[in-house]
Amino acid sequence: MSFEECIRKMTSSVANRLSLWDRGRLQPGCWADVLVIDPAAVLDRSTFDDTHQLSVGTRDVFVNGTRVLEDGTHTGATPGKFVKGPGT
């Protein structure tokens, strides 16, 4: 699977399945959740023996348009909100 298809399956594909039309895509009127990564640097460090290890390679994260991770450090912002899908 291509990197682009992997991203689509984790974003707009899930949002569409849950009828969350203002999520999972970057366009006017949508909530902006953005992850800025270096694909060559992303690494999951956890193992079966040591499962509580943070992954590396994520530089910046924006949730609902607010930066929550800057150069790998949490900013203290907590702009997330619970999203209810249909039937919940």
N, C-alpha and C. Protein backbone atom coordinates (compact mmCIF):
# COMPACT_ATOMS: atom_id res chain seq x y z
N MET A 1 0.85 -1.17 0.00
CA MET A 1 0.00 0.00 0.00
C MET A 1 0.90 1.23 0.00
N SER A 2 0.52 2.21 -0.78
CA SER A 2 1.32 3.44 -0.85
C SER A 2 1.13 4.26 0.42
N PHE A 3 2.06 5.18 0.64
CA PHE A 3 1.97 6.08 1.79
C PHE A 3 0.69 6.90 1.71
N GLU A 4 0.37 7.39 0.51
CA GLU A 4 -0.83 8.20 0.31
C GLU A 4 -2.11 7.41 0.63
N GLU A 5 -2.16 6.15 0.20
CA GLU A 5 -3.33 5.32 0.48
C GLU A 5 -3.44 5.01 1.97
N CYS A 6 -2.33 4.83 2.62
CA CYS A 6 -2.32 4.61 4.07
C CYS A 6 -2.91 5.83 4.79
N ILE A 7 -2.50 7.02 4.41
CA ILE A 7 -3.02 8.24 5.01
C ILE A 7 -4.52 8.36 4.76
N ARG A 8 -4.96 8.10 3.53
CA ARG A 8 -6.39 8.18 3.20
C ARG A 8 -7.21 7.21 4.04
N LYS A 9 -6.71 6.01 4.23
CA LYS A 9 -7.44 5.01 5.03
C LYS A 9 -7.53 5.41 6.51
N MET A 10 -6.58 6.22 6.98
CA MET A 10 -6.61 6.66 8.38
C MET A 10 -7.37 7.98 8.57
N THR A 11 -7.73 8.64 7.48
CA THR A 11 -8.35 9.96 7.61
C THR A 11 -9.73 10.01 6.94
N SER A 12 -9.79 10.41 5.68
CA SER A 12 -11.08 10.62 5.02
C SER A 12 -11.89 9.35 4.87
N SER A 13 -11.27 8.21 4.68
CA SER A 13 -12.00 6.96 4.55
C SER A 13 -12.80 6.65 5.82
N VAL A 14 -12.16 6.79 6.98
CA VAL A 14 -12.83 6.55 8.26
C VAL A 14 -13.92 7.60 8.49
N ALA A 15 -13.60 8.86 8.25
CA ALA A 15 -14.57 9.94 8.45
C ALA A 15 -15.81 9.72 7.57
N ASN A 16 -15.61 9.34 6.33
CA ASN A 16 -16.74 9.10 5.42
C ASN A 16 -17.60 7.94 5.92
N ARG A 17 -16.97 6.87 6.37
CA ARG A 17 -17.70 5.70 6.86
C ARG A 17 -18.57 6.07 8.06
N LEU A 18 -18.09 7.03 8.88
CA LEU A 18 -18.83 7.46 10.06
C LEU A 18 -19.73 8.67 9.79
N SER A 19 -19.83 9.05 8.53
CA SER A 19 -20.64 10.22 8.11
C SER A 19 -20.19 11.50 8.81
N LEU A 20 -18.91 11.64 9.03
CA LEU A 20 -18.34 12.85 9.62
C LEU A 20 -17.75 13.67 8.48
N TRP A 21 -18.63 14.38 7.77
CA TRP A 21 -18.24 15.05 6.54
C TRP A 21 -17.32 16.25 6.76
N ASP A 22 -17.21 16.76 8.00
CA ASP A 22 -16.33 17.89 8.28
C ASP A 22 -15.03 17.44 8.93
N ARG A 23 -14.68 16.17 8.77
CA ARG A 23 -13.45 15.60 9.33
C ARG A 23 -12.71 14.83 8.24
N GLY A 24 -11.42 14.59 8.47
CA GLY A 24 -10.65 13.70 7.61
C GLY A 24 -10.14 14.30 6.33
N ARG A 25 -10.30 15.58 6.16
CA ARG A 25 -9.81 16.23 4.94
C ARG A 25 -9.42 17.67 5.24
N LEU A 26 -8.55 18.21 4.44
CA LEU A 26 -8.14 19.61 4.59
C LEU A 26 -8.83 20.43 3.51
N GLN A 27 -9.91 21.08 3.90
CA GLN A 27 -10.63 21.95 2.99
C GLN A 27 -11.46 22.93 3.81
N PRO A 28 -11.87 24.05 3.21
CA PRO A 28 -12.65 25.05 3.95
C PRO A 28 -13.89 24.42 4.59
N GLY A 29 -14.15 24.81 5.85
CA GLY A 29 -15.31 24.32 6.59
C GLY A 29 -15.07 23.06 7.38
N CYS A 30 -13.90 22.45 7.23
CA CYS A 30 -13.58 21.22 7.97
C CYS A 30 -12.71 21.55 9.17
N TRP A 31 -12.83 20.71 10.20
CA TRP A 31 -11.95 20.84 11.36
C TRP A 31 -10.55 20.43 10.93
N ALA A 32 -9.55 21.21 11.32
CA ALA A 32 -8.18 20.97 10.87
C ALA A 32 -7.39 20.16 11.89
N ASP A 33 -7.26 18.87 11.66
CA ASP A 33 -6.38 18.01 12.43
C ASP A 33 -5.24 17.62 11.51
N VAL A 34 -4.03 18.06 11.82
CA VAL A 34 -2.89 17.89 10.92
C VAL A 34 -1.71 17.32 11.69
N LEU A 35 -1.06 16.33 11.09
CA LEU A 35 0.14 15.71 11.65
C LEU A 35 1.28 15.97 10.68
N VAL A 36 2.37 16.59 11.14
CA VAL A 36 3.53 16.87 10.30
C VAL A 36 4.64 15.90 10.69
N ILE A 37 5.01 15.04 9.73
CA ILE A 37 6.01 14.00 10.01
C ILE A 37 7.08 13.99 8.93
N ASP A 38 8.17 13.34 9.26
CA ASP A 38 9.19 13.00 8.28
C ASP A 38 9.04 11.49 8.08
N PRO A 39 8.47 11.03 6.96
CA PRO A 39 8.23 9.60 6.78
C PRO A 39 9.47 8.73 6.97
N ALA A 40 10.63 9.28 6.65
CA ALA A 40 11.86 8.50 6.80
C ALA A 40 12.28 8.37 8.26
N ALA A 41 11.75 9.24 9.13
CA ALA A 41 12.17 9.24 10.54
C ALA A 41 11.15 8.60 11.48
N VAL A 42 9.93 8.31 10.98
CA VAL A 42 8.89 7.73 11.84
C VAL A 42 9.28 6.32 12.24
N LEU A 43 9.23 6.08 13.55
CA LEU A 43 9.62 4.78 14.06
C LEU A 43 8.84 4.46 15.32
N ASP A 44 8.25 3.27 15.36
CA ASP A 44 7.58 2.78 16.56
C ASP A 44 8.61 2.02 17.37
N ARG A 45 8.92 2.51 18.55
CA ARG A 45 9.97 1.91 19.37
C ARG A 45 9.46 0.84 20.33
N SER A 46 8.15 0.67 20.44
CA SER A 46 7.61 -0.31 21.39
C SER A 46 7.85 -1.74 20.88
N THR A 47 7.95 -2.64 21.83
CA THR A 47 8.12 -4.06 21.53
C THR A 47 7.13 -4.83 22.40
N PHE A 48 7.03 -6.14 22.19
CA PHE A 48 6.17 -6.96 23.03
C PHE A 48 6.65 -6.94 24.48
N ASP A 49 7.96 -6.84 24.68
CA ASP A 49 8.51 -6.84 26.03
C ASP A 49 8.45 -5.46 26.68
N ASP A 50 8.47 -4.40 25.88
CA ASP A 50 8.47 -3.03 26.40
C ASP A 50 7.47 -2.20 25.59
N THR A 51 6.18 -2.32 25.94
CA THR A 51 5.11 -1.73 25.13
C THR A 51 4.89 -0.24 25.35
N HIS A 52 5.43 0.31 26.41
CA HIS A 52 5.17 1.72 26.75
C HIS A 52 6.29 2.64 26.28
N GLN A 53 6.59 2.58 24.99
CA GLN A 53 7.59 3.44 24.38
C GLN A 53 6.90 4.34 23.36
N LEU A 54 7.22 5.63 23.38
CA LEU A 54 6.64 6.56 22.42
C LEU A 54 7.30 6.40 21.06
N SER A 55 6.52 6.59 20.01
CA SER A 55 7.09 6.57 18.68
C SER A 55 7.88 7.87 18.46
N VAL A 56 8.72 7.88 17.45
CA VAL A 56 9.51 9.07 17.12
C VAL A 56 9.24 9.46 15.67
N GLY A 57 9.60 10.68 15.33
CA GLY A 57 9.48 11.16 13.96
C GLY A 57 8.33 12.12 13.73
N THR A 58 7.49 12.33 14.74
CA THR A 58 6.40 13.30 14.62
C THR A 58 6.91 14.66 15.06
N ARG A 59 6.84 15.64 14.17
CA ARG A 59 7.38 16.96 14.47
C ARG A 59 6.32 17.91 15.03
N ASP A 60 5.20 18.03 14.34
CA ASP A 60 4.15 18.97 14.75
C ASP A 60 2.78 18.31 14.61
N VAL A 61 1.87 18.65 15.53
CA VAL A 61 0.49 18.19 15.46
C VAL A 61 -0.42 19.37 15.73
N PHE A 62 -1.44 19.51 14.89
CA PHE A 62 -2.47 20.54 15.06
C PHE A 62 -3.80 19.82 15.24
N VAL A 63 -4.54 20.15 16.30
CA VAL A 63 -5.86 19.58 16.55
C VAL A 63 -6.86 20.73 16.52
N ASN A 64 -7.87 20.59 15.68
CA ASN A 64 -8.87 21.64 15.49
C ASN A 64 -8.21 22.99 15.19
N GLY A 65 -7.10 22.96 14.46
CA GLY A 65 -6.41 24.18 14.06
C GLY A 65 -5.44 24.74 15.08
N THR A 66 -5.32 24.10 16.25
CA THR A 66 -4.43 24.57 17.31
C THR A 66 -3.22 23.64 17.43
N ARG A 67 -2.02 24.22 17.49
CA ARG A 67 -0.80 23.41 17.61
C ARG A 67 -0.72 22.81 19.01
N VAL A 68 -0.62 21.47 19.06
CA VAL A 68 -0.48 20.79 20.35
C VAL A 68 0.89 20.14 20.51
N LEU A 69 1.61 19.96 19.40
CA LEU A 69 2.98 19.45 19.44
C LEU A 69 3.82 20.33 18.54
N GLU A 70 4.89 20.90 19.07
CA GLU A 70 5.77 21.78 18.29
C GLU A 70 7.19 21.26 18.41
N ASP A 71 7.76 20.89 17.26
CA ASP A 71 9.11 20.30 17.22
C ASP A 71 9.25 19.16 18.22
N GLY A 72 8.19 18.32 18.31
CA GLY A 72 8.22 17.14 19.16
C GLY A 72 7.90 17.37 20.62
N THR A 73 7.56 18.60 21.00
CA THR A 73 7.27 18.93 22.40
C THR A 73 5.81 19.39 22.54
N HIS A 74 5.11 18.84 23.53
CA HIS A 74 3.71 19.22 23.75
C HIS A 74 3.64 20.68 24.19
N THR A 75 2.69 21.41 23.61
CA THR A 75 2.55 22.84 23.90
C THR A 75 1.69 23.12 25.13
N GLY A 76 0.99 22.12 25.62
CA GLY A 76 0.06 22.31 26.74
C GLY A 76 -1.37 22.55 26.28
N ALA A 77 -1.54 22.79 24.99
CA ALA A 77 -2.89 23.02 24.45
C ALA A 77 -3.67 21.71 24.41
N THR A 78 -4.97 21.80 24.68
CA THR A 78 -5.84 20.62 24.63
C THR A 78 -7.15 20.97 23.91
N PRO A 79 -7.09 21.25 22.61
CA PRO A 79 -8.28 21.70 21.88
C PRO A 79 -9.19 20.58 21.39
N GLY A 80 -8.84 19.34 21.67
CA GLY A 80 -9.66 18.23 21.19
C GLY A 80 -11.04 18.21 21.81
N LYS A 81 -11.97 17.56 21.09
CA LYS A 81 -13.31 17.41 21.62
C LYS A 81 -13.85 16.06 21.18
N PHE A 82 -14.78 15.52 21.96
CA PHE A 82 -15.39 14.24 21.66
C PHE A 82 -16.22 14.36 20.39
N VAL A 83 -16.05 13.42 19.48
CA VAL A 83 -16.79 13.43 18.23
C VAL A 83 -17.72 12.21 18.24
N LYS A 84 -19.01 12.47 18.15
CA LYS A 84 -19.99 11.39 18.12
C LYS A 84 -20.34 11.05 16.68
N GLY A 85 -20.26 9.78 16.37
CA GLY A 85 -20.66 9.33 15.05
C GLY A 85 -22.14 9.00 15.05
N PRO A 86 -22.68 8.66 13.92
CA PRO A 86 -24.10 8.32 13.84
C PRO A 86 -24.40 7.08 14.70
N GLY A 87 -25.52 7.11 15.38
CA GLY A 87 -25.92 5.97 16.20
C GLY A 87 -25.27 5.91 17.56
N THR A 88 -24.49 6.94 17.95
CA THR A 88 -23.85 6.92 19.28
C THR A 88 -24.47 7.95 20.18
